[in-house]
Amino acid sequence: MAGAGHGRIGPSTFETIPAVAHPNMRRSYQRRSADQRVTDLQKKIAELKAKQAAREKKDDPVLRELQKLMKHLKRFVQHAHDHKRPDIANSVMGFKSMLERILTAETGAGVGARGGKDDEDDE
């Protein structure tokens, strides 16, 4: 049994893999110029300013009331569907969609960005 295929596997059985595949290959990359870095930083500053402005707008009392109205409209749409009035439900959904666009434009975030908490919140 010491013969065909039952013995030890020698180094000639496997290919040897070199420790370093290509020692003279270097990473190819380009450094950004100072102008590119300044431009990138200016973009980041503009984004941060926009985020700060959106945070300040969230304290607007009209926008707070708008969010409450959206909850009531959502309930009303369901109520209209429950009572077999899809015509009214569709009209209210269109109005609600327009309000969502306004809210998104004002705050920079969608209505659903709060994680779907609108059903559990009480006024």
PDB file of N, CA and C in Angstrom:
ATOM      1  N   MET A   1       0.799  -1.193   0.000  1.00  0.00           N
ATOM      2  CA  MET A   1       0.000   0.000   0.000  1.00  0.00           C
ATOM      3  C   MET A   1       0.839   1.253   0.000  1.00  0.00           C
ATOM      4  N   ALA A   2       2.093   1.109   0.061  1.00  0.00           N
ATOM      5  CA  ALA A   2       2.965   2.271   0.096  1.00  0.00           C
ATOM      6  C   ALA A   2       3.170   2.829  -1.283  1.00  0.00           C
ATOM      7  N   GLY A   3       2.517   2.306  -2.263  1.00  0.00           N
ATOM      8  CA  GLY A   3       2.756   2.686  -3.635  1.00  0.00           C
ATOM      9  C   GLY A   3       1.846   3.767  -4.162  1.00  0.00           C
ATOM     10  N   ALA A   4       0.893   3.413  -4.955  1.00  0.00           N
ATOM     11  CA  ALA A   4       0.149   4.302  -5.838  1.00  0.00           C
ATOM     12  C   ALA A   4      -0.796   5.245  -5.106  1.00  0.00           C
ATOM     13  N   GLY A   5      -0.362   6.462  -4.899  1.00  0.00           N
ATOM     14  CA  GLY A   5      -1.234   7.530  -4.447  1.00  0.00           C
ATOM     15  C   GLY A   5      -1.536   7.570  -2.967  1.00  0.00           C
ATOM     16  N   HIS A   6      -1.005   6.691  -2.140  1.00  0.00           N
ATOM     17  CA  HIS A   6      -1.331   6.695  -0.723  1.00  0.00           C
ATOM     18  C   HIS A   6      -0.209   7.244   0.121  1.00  0.00           C
ATOM     19  N   GLY A   7       0.823   7.668  -0.470  1.00  0.00           N
ATOM     20  CA  GLY A   7       1.976   8.149   0.271  1.00  0.00           C
ATOM     21  C   GLY A   7       1.885   9.640   0.574  1.00  0.00           C
ATOM     22  N   ARG A   8       2.962  10.183   0.989  1.00  0.00           N
ATOM     23  CA  ARG A   8       3.032  11.605   1.297  1.00  0.00           C
ATOM     24  C   ARG A   8       3.037  12.420   0.017  1.00  0.00           C
ATOM     25  N   ILE A   9       2.496  13.614   0.129  1.00  0.00           N
ATOM     26  CA  ILE A   9       2.479  14.509  -1.017  1.00  0.00           C
ATOM     27  C   ILE A   9       3.743  15.346  -0.964  1.00  0.00           C
ATOM     28  N   GLY A  10       4.500  15.302  -2.009  1.00  0.00           N
ATOM     29  CA  GLY A  10       5.761  16.018  -2.038  1.00  0.00           C
ATOM     30  C   GLY A  10       5.626  17.396  -2.649  1.00  0.00           C
ATOM     31  N   PRO A  11       6.660  18.185  -2.591  1.00  0.00           N
ATOM     32  CA  PRO A  11       6.630  19.544  -3.137  1.00  0.00           C
ATOM     33  C   PRO A  11       6.452  19.571  -4.644  1.00  0.00           C
ATOM     34  N   SER A  12       6.768  18.506  -5.318  1.00  0.00           N
ATOM     35  CA  SER A  12       6.604  18.499  -6.771  1.00  0.00           C
ATOM     36  C   SER A  12       5.135  18.352  -7.168  1.00  0.00           C
ATOM     37  N   THR A  13       4.272  17.967  -6.229  1.00  0.00           N
ATOM     38  CA  THR A  13       2.857  17.783  -6.531  1.00  0.00           C
ATOM     39  C   THR A  13       2.162  19.123  -6.755  1.00  0.00           C
ATOM     40  N   PHE A  14       2.497  20.143  -5.982  1.00  0.00           N
ATOM     41  CA  PHE A  14       1.859  21.449  -6.075  1.00  0.00           C
ATOM     42  C   PHE A  14       2.795  22.464  -6.711  1.00  0.00           C
ATOM     43  N   GLU A  15       2.179  23.470  -7.356  1.00  0.00           N
ATOM     44  CA  GLU A  15       2.994  24.567  -7.867  1.00  0.00           C
ATOM     45  C   GLU A  15       3.382  25.454  -6.713  1.00  0.00           C
ATOM     46  N   THR A  16       4.558  25.959  -6.760  1.00  0.00           N
ATOM     47  CA  THR A  16       4.965  26.887  -5.708  1.00  0.00           C
ATOM     48  C   THR A  16       4.565  28.295  -6.130  1.00  0.00           C
ATOM     49  N   ILE A  17       4.034  29.029  -5.193  1.00  0.00           N
ATOM     50  CA  ILE A  17       3.599  30.401  -5.454  1.00  0.00           C
ATOM     51  C   ILE A  17       4.672  31.333  -4.933  1.00  0.00           C
ATOM     52  N   PRO A  18       5.130  32.244  -5.768  1.00  0.00           N
ATOM     53  CA  PRO A  18       6.166  33.164  -5.293  1.00  0.00           C
ATOM     54  C   PRO A  18       5.617  34.061  -4.184  1.00  0.00           C
ATOM     55  N   ALA A  19       6.472  34.422  -3.246  1.00  0.00           N
ATOM     56  CA  ALA A  19       6.056  35.240  -2.111  1.00  0.00           C
ATOM     57  C   ALA A  19       5.604  36.625  -2.562  1.00  0.00           C
ATOM     58  N   VAL A  20       6.274  37.200  -3.519  1.00  0.00           N
ATOM     59  CA  VAL A  20       5.910  38.507  -4.046  1.00  0.00           C
ATOM     60  C   VAL A  20       5.656  38.337  -5.526  1.00  0.00           C
ATOM     61  N   ALA A  21       4.445  38.635  -5.959  1.00  0.00           N
ATOM     62  CA  ALA A  21       4.084  38.391  -7.353  1.00  0.00           C
ATOM     63  C   ALA A  21       4.845  39.307  -8.301  1.00  0.00           C
ATOM     64  N   HIS A  22       4.799  40.598  -8.060  1.00  0.00           N
ATOM     65  CA  HIS A  22       5.485  41.558  -8.925  1.00  0.00           C
ATOM     66  C   HIS A  22       6.138  42.618  -8.045  1.00  0.00           C
ATOM     67  N   PRO A  23       7.366  42.420  -7.675  1.00  0.00           N
ATOM     68  CA  PRO A  23       7.994  43.345  -6.733  1.00  0.00           C
ATOM     69  C   PRO A  23       8.221  44.749  -7.303  1.00  0.00           C
ATOM     70  N   ASN A  24       8.251  44.910  -8.618  1.00  0.00           N
ATOM     71  CA  ASN A  24       8.531  46.222  -9.185  1.00  0.00           C
ATOM     72  C   ASN A  24       7.262  46.979  -9.590  1.00  0.00           C
ATOM     73  N   MET A  25       6.077  46.432  -9.311  1.00  0.00           N
ATOM     74  CA  MET A  25       4.830  47.138  -9.638  1.00  0.00           C
ATOM     75  C   MET A  25       4.510  48.123  -8.530  1.00  0.00           C
ATOM     76  N   ARG A  26       4.140  49.328  -8.929  1.00  0.00           N
ATOM     77  CA  ARG A  26       3.757  50.339  -7.963  1.00  0.00           C
ATOM     78  C   ARG A  26       2.307  50.703  -8.171  1.00  0.00           C
ATOM     79  N   ARG A  27       1.692  51.223  -7.122  1.00  0.00           N
ATOM     80  CA  ARG A  27       0.319  51.677  -7.224  1.00  0.00           C
ATOM     81  C   ARG A  27       0.284  52.927  -8.088  1.00  0.00           C
ATOM     82  N   SER A  28      -0.662  52.951  -8.993  1.00  0.00           N
ATOM     83  CA  SER A  28      -0.768  54.141  -9.840  1.00  0.00           C
ATOM     84  C   SER A  28      -1.897  55.009  -9.303  1.00  0.00           C
ATOM     85  N   TYR A  29      -1.581  56.195  -8.898  1.00  0.00           N
ATOM     86  CA  TYR A  29      -2.579  57.149  -8.457  1.00  0.00           C
ATOM     87  C   TYR A  29      -2.064  58.550  -8.733  1.00  0.00           C
ATOM     88  N   GLN A  30      -2.987  59.458  -8.763  1.00  0.00           N
ATOM     89  CA  GLN A  30      -2.596  60.843  -8.986  1.00  0.00           C
ATOM     90  C   GLN A  30      -2.967  61.648  -7.760  1.00  0.00           C
ATOM     91  N   ARG A  31      -2.068  62.464  -7.336  1.00  0.00           N
ATOM     92  CA  ARG A  31      -2.364  63.337  -6.208  1.00  0.00           C
ATOM     93  C   ARG A  31      -3.242  64.476  -6.696  1.00  0.00           C
ATOM     94  N   ARG A  32      -4.159  64.879  -5.812  1.00  0.00           N
ATOM     95  CA  ARG A  32      -5.009  66.015  -6.172  1.00  0.00           C
ATOM     96  C   ARG A  32      -4.202  67.293  -6.036  1.00  0.00           C
ATOM     97  N   SER A  33      -4.474  68.194  -6.928  1.00  0.00           N
ATOM     98  CA  SER A  33      -3.780  69.479  -6.851  1.00  0.00           C
ATOM     99  C   SER A  33      -4.389  70.297  -5.724  1.00  0.00           C
ATOM    100  N   ALA A  34      -3.735  71.369  -5.367  1.00  0.00           N
ATOM    101  CA  ALA A  34      -4.235  72.245  -4.307  1.00  0.00           C
ATOM    102  C   ALA A  34      -5.588  72.838  -4.707  1.00  0.00           C
ATOM    103  N   ASP A  35      -5.743  73.163  -5.983  1.00  0.00           N
ATOM    104  CA  ASP A  35      -7.022  73.713  -6.446  1.00  0.00           C
ATOM    105  C   ASP A  35      -8.151  72.694  -6.298  1.00  0.00           C
ATOM    106  N   GLN A  36      -7.870  71.443  -6.606  1.00  0.00           N
ATOM    107  CA  GLN A  36      -8.890  70.403  -6.463  1.00  0.00           C
ATOM    108  C   GLN A  36      -9.274  70.203  -5.003  1.00  0.00           C
ATOM    109  N   ARG A  37      -8.287  70.249  -4.113  1.00  0.00           N
ATOM    110  CA  ARG A  37      -8.582  70.095  -2.689  1.00  0.00           C
ATOM    111  C   ARG A  37      -9.413  71.262  -2.179  1.00  0.00           C
ATOM    112  N   VAL A  38      -9.080  72.485  -2.620  1.00  0.00           N
ATOM    113  CA  VAL A  38      -9.848  73.669  -2.210  1.00  0.00           C
ATOM    114  C   VAL A  38     -11.279  73.567  -2.727  1.00  0.00           C
ATOM    115  N   THR A  39     -11.439  73.143  -3.973  1.00  0.00           N
ATOM    116  CA  THR A  39     -12.781  72.992  -4.544  1.00  0.00           C
ATOM    117  C   THR A  39     -13.591  71.960  -3.763  1.00  0.00           C
ATOM    118  N   ASP A  40     -12.978  70.831  -3.412  1.00  0.00           N
ATOM    119  CA  ASP A  40     -13.670  69.805  -2.636  1.00  0.00           C
ATOM    120  C   ASP A  40     -14.080  70.325  -1.264  1.00  0.00           C
ATOM    121  N   LEU A  41     -13.194  71.068  -0.625  1.00  0.00           N
ATOM    122  CA  LEU A  41     -13.524  71.622   0.689  1.00  0.00           C
ATOM    123  C   LEU A  41     -14.643  72.660   0.590  1.00  0.00           C
ATOM    124  N   GLN A  42     -14.648  73.443  -0.480  1.00  0.00           N
ATOM    125  CA  GLN A  42     -15.717  74.425  -0.661  1.00  0.00           C
ATOM    126  C   GLN A  42     -17.065  73.731  -0.859  1.00  0.00           C
ATOM    127  N   LYS A  43     -17.063  72.608  -1.576  1.00  0.00           N
ATOM    128  CA  LYS A  43     -18.295  71.832  -1.749  1.00  0.00           C
ATOM    129  C   LYS A  43     -18.793  71.316  -0.402  1.00  0.00           C
ATOM    130  N   LYS A  44     -17.872  70.810   0.420  1.00  0.00           N
ATOM    131  CA  LYS A  44     -18.251  70.297   1.730  1.00  0.00           C
ATOM    132  C   LYS A  44     -18.816  71.416   2.603  1.00  0.00           C
ATOM    133  N   ILE A  45     -18.211  72.585   2.543  1.00  0.00           N
ATOM    134  CA  ILE A  45     -18.699  73.726   3.323  1.00  0.00           C
ATOM    135  C   ILE A  45     -20.110  74.099   2.883  1.00  0.00           C
ATOM    136  N   ALA A  46     -20.347  74.125   1.571  1.00  0.00           N
ATOM    137  CA  ALA A  46     -21.678  74.465   1.058  1.00  0.00           C
ATOM    138  C   ALA A  46     -22.704  73.434   1.512  1.00  0.00           C
ATOM    139  N   GLU A  47     -22.341  72.148   1.499  1.00  0.00           N
ATOM    140  CA  GLU A  47     -23.257  71.097   1.951  1.00  0.00           C
ATOM    141  C   GLU A  47     -23.578  71.250   3.433  1.00  0.00           C
ATOM    142  N   LEU A  48     -22.555  71.547   4.238  1.00  0.00           N
ATOM    143  CA  LEU A  48     -22.780  71.719   5.672  1.00  0.00           C
ATOM    144  C   LEU A  48     -23.653  72.937   5.961  1.00  0.00           C
ATOM    145  N   LYS A  49     -23.461  74.009   5.201  1.00  0.00           N
ATOM    146  CA  LYS A  49     -24.307  75.192   5.380  1.00  0.00           C
ATOM    147  C   LYS A  49     -25.754  74.881   5.021  1.00  0.00           C
ATOM    148  N   ALA A  50     -25.961  74.111   3.968  1.00  0.00           N
ATOM    149  CA  ALA A  50     -27.313  73.736   3.567  1.00  0.00           C
ATOM    150  C   ALA A  50     -27.969  72.866   4.639  1.00  0.00           C
ATOM    151  N   LYS A  51     -27.202  71.941   5.220  1.00  0.00           N
ATOM    152  CA  LYS A  51     -27.741  71.094   6.289  1.00  0.00           C
ATOM    153  C   LYS A  51     -28.118  71.931   7.506  1.00  0.00           C
ATOM    154  N   GLN A  52     -27.267  72.905   7.841  1.00  0.00           N
ATOM    155  CA  GLN A  52     -27.552  73.760   8.989  1.00  0.00           C
ATOM    156  C   GLN A  52     -28.808  74.586   8.744  1.00  0.00           C
ATOM    157  N   ALA A  53     -28.967  75.110   7.536  1.00  0.00           N
ATOM    158  CA  ALA A  53     -30.163  75.884   7.196  1.00  0.00           C
ATOM    159  C   ALA A  53     -31.410  75.009   7.286  1.00  0.00           C
ATOM    160  N   ALA A  54     -31.302  73.753   6.857  1.00  0.00           N
ATOM    161  CA  ALA A  54     -32.439  72.834   6.939  1.00  0.00           C
ATOM    162  C   ALA A  54     -32.794  72.548   8.391  1.00  0.00           C
ATOM    163  N   ARG A  55     -31.773  72.407   9.250  1.00  0.00           N
ATOM    164  CA  ARG A  55     -32.043  72.177  10.673  1.00  0.00           C
ATOM    165  C   ARG A  55     -32.767  73.365  11.292  1.00  0.00           C
ATOM    166  N   GLU A  56     -32.358  74.562  10.900  1.00  0.00           N
ATOM    167  CA  GLU A  56     -32.997  75.757  11.447  1.00  0.00           C
ATOM    168  C   GLU A  56     -34.440  75.881  10.955  1.00  0.00           C
ATOM    169  N   LYS A  57     -34.696  75.444   9.722  1.00  0.00           N
ATOM    170  CA  LYS A  57     -36.056  75.518   9.189  1.00  0.00           C
ATOM    171  C   LYS A  57     -36.991  74.540   9.882  1.00  0.00           C
ATOM    172  N   LYS A  58     -36.449  73.464  10.430  1.00  0.00           N
ATOM    173  CA  LYS A  58     -37.296  72.484  11.102  1.00  0.00           C
ATOM    174  C   LYS A  58     -37.982  73.084  12.321  1.00  0.00           C
ATOM    175  N   ASP A  59     -37.434  74.148  12.871  1.00  0.00           N
ATOM    176  CA  ASP A  59     -38.041  74.794  14.026  1.00  0.00           C
ATOM    177  C   ASP A  59     -39.170  75.732  13.632  1.00  0.00           C
ATOM    178  N   ASP A  60     -39.416  75.895  12.347  1.00  0.00           N
ATOM    179  CA  ASP A  60     -40.475  76.776  11.852  1.00  0.00           C
ATOM    180  C   ASP A  60     -41.835  76.237  12.302  1.00  0.00           C
ATOM    181  N   PRO A  61     -42.656  77.056  12.984  1.00  0.00           N
ATOM    182  CA  PRO A  61     -43.952  76.573  13.466  1.00  0.00           C
ATOM    183  C   PRO A  61     -44.891  76.134  12.345  1.00  0.00           C
ATOM    184  N   VAL A  62     -44.804  76.769  11.175  1.00  0.00           N
ATOM    185  CA  VAL A  62     -45.663  76.371  10.059  1.00  0.00           C
ATOM    186  C   VAL A  62     -45.297  74.967   9.587  1.00  0.00           C
ATOM    187  N   LEU A  63     -44.015  74.669   9.527  1.00  0.00           N
ATOM    188  CA  LEU A  63     -43.602  73.339   9.095  1.00  0.00           C
ATOM    189  C   LEU A  63     -43.995  72.275  10.116  1.00  0.00           C
ATOM    190  N   ARG A  64     -43.967  72.628  11.391  1.00  0.00           N
ATOM    191  CA  ARG A  64     -44.415  71.675  12.417  1.00  0.00           C
ATOM    192  C   ARG A  64     -45.899  71.363  12.244  1.00  0.00           C
ATOM    193  N   GLU A  65     -46.686  72.395  12.000  1.00  0.00           N
ATOM    194  CA  GLU A  65     -48.121  72.189  11.784  1.00  0.00           C
ATOM    195  C   GLU A  65     -48.362  71.406  10.495  1.00  0.00           C
ATOM    196  N   LEU A  66     -47.518  71.642   9.491  1.00  0.00           N
ATOM    197  CA  LEU A  66     -47.651  70.911   8.233  1.00  0.00           C
ATOM    198  C   LEU A  66     -47.440  69.422   8.457  1.00  0.00           C
ATOM    199  N   GLN A  67     -46.486  69.076   9.296  1.00  0.00           N
ATOM    200  CA  GLN A  67     -46.244  67.663   9.586  1.00  0.00           C
ATOM    201  C   GLN A  67     -47.442  67.044  10.309  1.00  0.00           C
ATOM    202  N   LYS A  68     -48.054  67.793  11.208  1.00  0.00           N
ATOM    203  CA  LYS A  68     -49.258  67.294  11.882  1.00  0.00           C
ATOM    204  C   LYS A  68     -50.395  67.107  10.879  1.00  0.00           C
ATOM    205  N   LEU A  69     -50.524  68.067   9.956  1.00  0.00           N
ATOM    206  CA  LEU A  69     -51.564  67.968   8.937  1.00  0.00           C
ATOM    207  C   LEU A  69     -51.368  66.727   8.075  1.00  0.00           C
ATOM    208  N   MET A  70     -50.121  66.406   7.765  1.00  0.00           N
ATOM    209  CA  MET A  70     -49.830  65.231   6.947  1.00  0.00           C
ATOM    210  C   MET A  70     -50.333  63.956   7.642  1.00  0.00           C
ATOM    211  N   LYS A  71     -50.166  63.884   8.960  1.00  0.00           N
ATOM    212  CA  LYS A  71     -50.660  62.722   9.706  1.00  0.00           C
ATOM    213  C   LYS A  71     -52.177  62.616   9.596  1.00  0.00           C
ATOM    214  N   HIS A  72     -52.846  63.759   9.760  1.00  0.00           N
ATOM    215  CA  HIS A  72     -54.306  63.747   9.696  1.00  0.00           C
ATOM    216  C   HIS A  72     -54.794  63.391   8.287  1.00  0.00           C
ATOM    217  N   LEU A  73     -54.098  63.890   7.278  1.00  0.00           N
ATOM    218  CA  LEU A  73     -54.486  63.566   5.902  1.00  0.00           C
ATOM    219  C   LEU A  73     -54.308  62.079   5.623  1.00  0.00           C
ATOM    220  N   LYS A  74     -53.248  61.507   6.161  1.00  0.00           N
ATOM    221  CA  LYS A  74     -53.006  60.078   5.972  1.00  0.00           C
ATOM    222  C   LYS A  74     -54.158  59.269   6.572  1.00  0.00           C
ATOM    223  N   ARG A  75     -54.571  59.647   7.765  1.00  0.00           N
ATOM    224  CA  ARG A  75     -55.703  58.956   8.409  1.00  0.00           C
ATOM    225  C   ARG A  75     -56.989  59.161   7.613  1.00  0.00           C
ATOM    226  N   PHE A  76     -57.176  60.382   7.091  1.00  0.00           N
ATOM    227  CA  PHE A  76     -58.388  60.677   6.339  1.00  0.00           C
ATOM    228  C   PHE A  76     -58.453  59.869   5.043  1.00  0.00           C
ATOM    229  N   VAL A  77     -57.324  59.710   4.377  1.00  0.00           N
ATOM    230  CA  VAL A  77     -57.283  58.901   3.148  1.00  0.00           C
ATOM    231  C   VAL A  77     -57.720  57.479   3.459  1.00  0.00           C
ATOM    232  N   GLN A  78     -57.208  56.927   4.548  1.00  0.00           N
ATOM    233  CA  GLN A  78     -57.602  55.570   4.916  1.00  0.00           C
ATOM    234  C   GLN A  78     -59.090  55.512   5.255  1.00  0.00           C
ATOM    235  N   HIS A  79     -59.590  56.535   5.944  1.00  0.00           N
ATOM    236  CA  HIS A  79     -61.010  56.591   6.302  1.00  0.00           C
ATOM    237  C   HIS A  79     -61.879  56.629   5.035  1.00  0.00           C
ATOM    238  N   ALA A  80     -61.450  57.427   4.041  1.00  0.00           N
ATOM    239  CA  ALA A  80     -62.206  57.511   2.790  1.00  0.00           C
ATOM    240  C   ALA A  80     -62.219  56.164   2.074  1.00  0.00           C
ATOM    241  N   HIS A  81     -61.097  55.479   2.058  1.00  0.00           N
ATOM    242  CA  HIS A  81     -61.044  54.146   1.444  1.00  0.00           C
ATOM    243  C   HIS A  81     -61.939  53.163   2.186  1.00  0.00           C
ATOM    244  N   ASP A  82     -61.924  53.239   3.503  1.00  0.00           N
ATOM    245  CA  ASP A  82     -62.737  52.325   4.305  1.00  0.00           C
ATOM    246  C   ASP A  82     -64.234  52.500   4.035  1.00  0.00           C
ATOM    247  N   HIS A  83     -64.630  53.719   3.683  1.00  0.00           N
ATOM    248  CA  HIS A  83     -66.044  54.008   3.446  1.00  0.00           C
ATOM    249  C   HIS A  83     -66.367  54.096   1.955  1.00  0.00           C
ATOM    250  N   LYS A  84     -65.559  53.409   1.149  1.00  0.00           N
ATOM    251  CA  LYS A  84     -65.811  53.254  -0.293  1.00  0.00           C
ATOM    252  C   LYS A  84     -65.893  54.596  -1.019  1.00  0.00           C
ATOM    253  N   ARG A  85     -64.943  55.510  -0.727  1.00  0.00           N
ATOM    254  CA  ARG A  85     -64.878  56.793  -1.425  1.00  0.00           C
ATOM    255  C   ARG A  85     -63.477  57.005  -1.997  1.00  0.00           C
ATOM    256  N   PRO A  86     -63.097  56.186  -2.996  1.00  0.00           N
ATOM    257  CA  PRO A  86     -61.755  56.320  -3.565  1.00  0.00           C
ATOM    258  C   PRO A  86     -61.562  57.651  -4.290  1.00  0.00           C
ATOM    259  N   ASP A  87     -62.640  58.280  -4.751  1.00  0.00           N
ATOM    260  CA  ASP A  87     -62.507  59.562  -5.435  1.00  0.00           C
ATOM    261  C   ASP A  87     -61.969  60.628  -4.483  1.00  0.00           C
ATOM    262  N   ILE A  88     -62.514  60.664  -3.279  1.00  0.00           N
ATOM    263  CA  ILE A  88     -62.030  61.627  -2.288  1.00  0.00           C
ATOM    264  C   ILE A  88     -60.622  61.253  -1.838  1.00  0.00           C
ATOM    265  N   ALA A  89     -60.387  59.965  -1.641  1.00  0.00           N
ATOM    266  CA  ALA A  89     -59.067  59.507  -1.211  1.00  0.00           C
ATOM    267  C   ALA A  89     -57.998  59.896  -2.228  1.00  0.00           C
ATOM    268  N   ASN A  90     -58.303  59.729  -3.518  1.00  0.00           N
ATOM    269  CA  ASN A  90     -57.325  60.090  -4.549  1.00  0.00           C
ATOM    270  C   ASN A  90     -57.051  61.590  -4.563  1.00  0.00           C
ATOM    271  N   SER A  91     -58.083  62.386  -4.381  1.00  0.00           N
ATOM    272  CA  SER A  91     -57.888  63.839  -4.358  1.00  0.00           C
ATOM    273  C   SER A  91     -57.017  64.262  -3.181  1.00  0.00           C
ATOM    274  N   VAL A  92     -57.285  63.680  -2.032  1.00  0.00           N
ATOM    275  CA  VAL A  92     -56.500  64.022  -0.836  1.00  0.00           C
ATOM    276  C   VAL A  92     -55.066  63.518  -0.978  1.00  0.00           C
ATOM    277  N   MET A  93     -54.890  62.349  -1.582  1.00  0.00           N
ATOM    278  CA  MET A  93     -53.536  61.835  -1.789  1.00  0.00           C
ATOM    279  C   MET A  93     -52.738  62.760  -2.714  1.00  0.00           C
ATOM    280  N   GLY A  94     -53.388  63.315  -3.735  1.00  0.00           N
ATOM    281  CA  GLY A  94     -52.710  64.271  -4.610  1.00  0.00           C
ATOM    282  C   GLY A  94     -52.303  65.515  -3.858  1.00  0.00           C
ATOM    283  N   PHE A  95     -53.193  66.025  -3.022  1.00  0.00           N
ATOM    284  CA  PHE A  95     -52.887  67.199  -2.213  1.00  0.00           C
ATOM    285  C   PHE A  95     -51.752  66.897  -1.236  1.00  0.00           C
ATOM    286  N   LYS A  96     -51.807  65.717  -0.619  1.00  0.00           N
ATOM    287  CA  LYS A  96     -50.778  65.304   0.334  1.00  0.00           C
ATOM    288  C   LYS A  96     -49.417  65.180  -0.362  1.00  0.00           C
ATOM    289  N   SER A  97     -49.417  64.674  -1.581  1.00  0.00           N
ATOM    290  CA  SER A  97     -48.178  64.542  -2.340  1.00  0.00           C
ATOM    291  C   SER A  97     -47.552  65.904  -2.615  1.00  0.00           C
ATOM    292  N   MET A  98     -48.399  66.879  -2.948  1.00  0.00           N
ATOM    293  CA  MET A  98     -47.892  68.229  -3.192  1.00  0.00           C
ATOM    294  C   MET A  98     -47.304  68.809  -1.906  1.00  0.00           C
ATOM    295  N   LEU A  99     -47.963  68.585  -0.785  1.00  0.00           N
ATOM    296  CA  LEU A  99     -47.436  69.080   0.489  1.00  0.00           C
ATOM    297  C   LEU A  99     -46.116  68.406   0.853  1.00  0.00           C
ATOM    298  N   GLU A 100     -46.001  67.112   0.538  1.00  0.00           N
ATOM    299  CA  GLU A 100     -44.746  66.399   0.802  1.00  0.00           C
ATOM    300  C   GLU A 100     -43.600  67.002   0.013  1.00  0.00           C
ATOM    301  N   ARG A 101     -43.854  67.383  -1.237  1.00  0.00           N
ATOM    302  CA  ARG A 101     -42.811  68.018  -2.052  1.00  0.00           C
ATOM    303  C   ARG A 101     -42.389  69.342  -1.437  1.00  0.00           C
ATOM    304  N   ILE A 102     -43.357  70.111  -0.963  1.00  0.00           N
ATOM    305  CA  ILE A 102     -43.027  71.390  -0.322  1.00  0.00           C
ATOM    306  C   ILE A 102     -42.203  71.152   0.933  1.00  0.00           C
ATOM    307  N   LEU A 103     -42.614  70.198   1.738  1.00  0.00           N
ATOM    308  CA  LEU A 103     -41.900  69.896   2.971  1.00  0.00           C
ATOM    309  C   LEU A 103     -40.482  69.418   2.677  1.00  0.00           C
ATOM    310  N   THR A 104     -40.340  68.592   1.655  1.00  0.00           N
ATOM    311  CA  THR A 104     -39.011  68.111   1.269  1.00  0.00           C
ATOM    312  C   THR A 104     -38.131  69.264   0.797  1.00  0.00           C
ATOM    313  N   ALA A 105     -38.689  70.157   0.018  1.00  0.00           N
ATOM    314  CA  ALA A 105     -37.913  71.295  -0.474  1.00  0.00           C
ATOM    315  C   ALA A 105     -37.521  72.225   0.666  1.00  0.00           C
ATOM    316  N   GLU A 106     -38.392  72.391   1.641  1.00  0.00           N
ATOM    317  CA  GLU A 106     -38.115  73.305   2.749  1.00  0.00           C
ATOM    318  C   GLU A 106     -37.093  72.751   3.729  1.00  0.00           C
ATOM    319  N   THR A 107     -37.239  71.484   4.074  1.00  0.00           N
ATOM    320  CA  THR A 107     -36.378  70.917   5.115  1.00  0.00           C
ATOM    321  C   THR A 107     -35.200  70.139   4.560  1.00  0.00           C
ATOM    322  N   GLY A 108     -35.255  69.763   3.292  1.00  0.00           N
ATOM    323  CA  GLY A 108     -34.164  68.988   2.714  1.00  0.00           C
ATOM    324  C   GLY A 108     -34.228  67.519   3.076  1.00  0.00           C
ATOM    325  N   ALA A 109     -35.305  67.089   3.708  1.00  0.00           N
ATOM    326  CA  ALA A 109     -35.479  65.681   4.071  1.00  0.00           C
ATOM    327  C   ALA A 109     -36.902  65.277   3.778  1.00  0.00           C
ATOM    328  N   GLY A 110     -37.084  64.000   3.486  1.00  0.00           N
ATOM    329  CA  GLY A 110     -38.420  63.506   3.185  1.00  0.00           C
ATOM    330  C   GLY A 110     -39.260  63.341   4.434  1.00  0.00           C
ATOM    331  N   VAL A 111     -40.552  63.197   4.243  1.00  0.00           N
ATOM    332  CA  VAL A 111     -41.473  63.018   5.355  1.00  0.00           C
ATOM    333  C   VAL A 111     -41.196  61.688   6.038  1.00  0.00           C
ATOM    334  N   GLY A 112     -40.896  60.654   5.252  1.00  0.00           N
ATOM    335  CA  GLY A 112     -40.642  59.332   5.812  1.00  0.00           C
ATOM    336  C   GLY A 112     -39.259  59.182   6.410  1.00  0.00           C
ATOM    337  N   ALA A 113     -38.448  60.216   6.412  1.00  0.00           N
ATOM    338  CA  ALA A 113     -37.082  60.126   6.915  1.00  0.00           C
ATOM    339  C   ALA A 113     -37.030  59.982   8.433  1.00  0.00           C
ATOM    340  N   ARG A 114     -38.168  60.159   9.106  1.00  0.00           N
ATOM    341  CA  ARG A 114     -38.185  60.042  10.559  1.00  0.00           C
ATOM    342  C   ARG A 114     -38.374  58.606  10.998  1.00  0.00           C
ATOM    343  N   GLY A 115     -38.384  57.685  10.077  1.00  0.00           N
ATOM    344  CA  GLY A 115     -38.471  56.272  10.420  1.00  0.00           C
ATOM    345  C   GLY A 115     -39.881  55.777  10.583  1.00  0.00           C
ATOM    346  N   GLY A 116     -40.860  56.441   9.992  1.00  0.00           N
ATOM    347  CA  GLY A 116     -42.231  55.969  10.039  1.00  0.00           C
ATOM    348  C   GLY A 116     -42.886  56.134  11.389  1.00  0.00           C
ATOM    349  N   LYS A 117     -42.497  57.141  12.152  1.00  0.00           N
ATOM    350  CA  LYS A 117     -43.052  57.333  13.478  1.00  0.00           C
ATOM    351  C   LYS A 117     -44.386  58.056  13.452  1.00  0.00           C
ATOM    352  N   ASP A 118     -44.904  58.471  12.276  1.00  0.00           N
ATOM    353  CA  ASP A 118     -46.086  59.316  12.274  1.00  0.00           C
ATOM    354  C   ASP A 118     -47.320  58.645  12.836  1.00  0.00           C
ATOM    355  N   ASP A 119     -47.413  57.331  12.842  1.00  0.00           N
ATOM    356  CA  ASP A 119     -48.603  56.688  13.369  1.00  0.00           C
ATOM    357  C   ASP A 119     -48.617  56.638  14.891  1.00  0.00           C
ATOM    358  N   GLU A 120     -47.444  56.568  15.504  1.00  0.00           N
ATOM    359  CA  GLU A 120     -47.406  56.438  16.943  1.00  0.00           C
ATOM    360  C   GLU A 120     -47.406  57.788  17.663  1.00  0.00           C
ATOM    361  N   ASP A 121     -47.072  58.870  16.987  1.00  0.00           N
ATOM    362  CA  ASP A 121     -46.992  60.179  17.631  1.00  0.00           C
ATOM    363  C   ASP A 121     -48.351  60.719  17.999  1.00  0.00           C
ATOM    364  N   ASP A 122     -48.422  61.321  19.139  1.00  0.00           N
ATOM    365  CA  ASP A 122     -49.610  62.050  19.545  1.00  0.00           C
ATOM    366  C   ASP A 122     -49.262  63.526  19.540  1.00  0.00           C
ATOM    367  N   GLU A 123     -50.290  64.350  19.294  1.00  0.00           N
ATOM    368  CA  GLU A 123     -50.000  65.779  19.250  1.00  0.00           C
ATOM    369  C   GLU A 123     -49.668  66.278  20.590  1.00  0.00           C
TER     370      GLU A 123
END
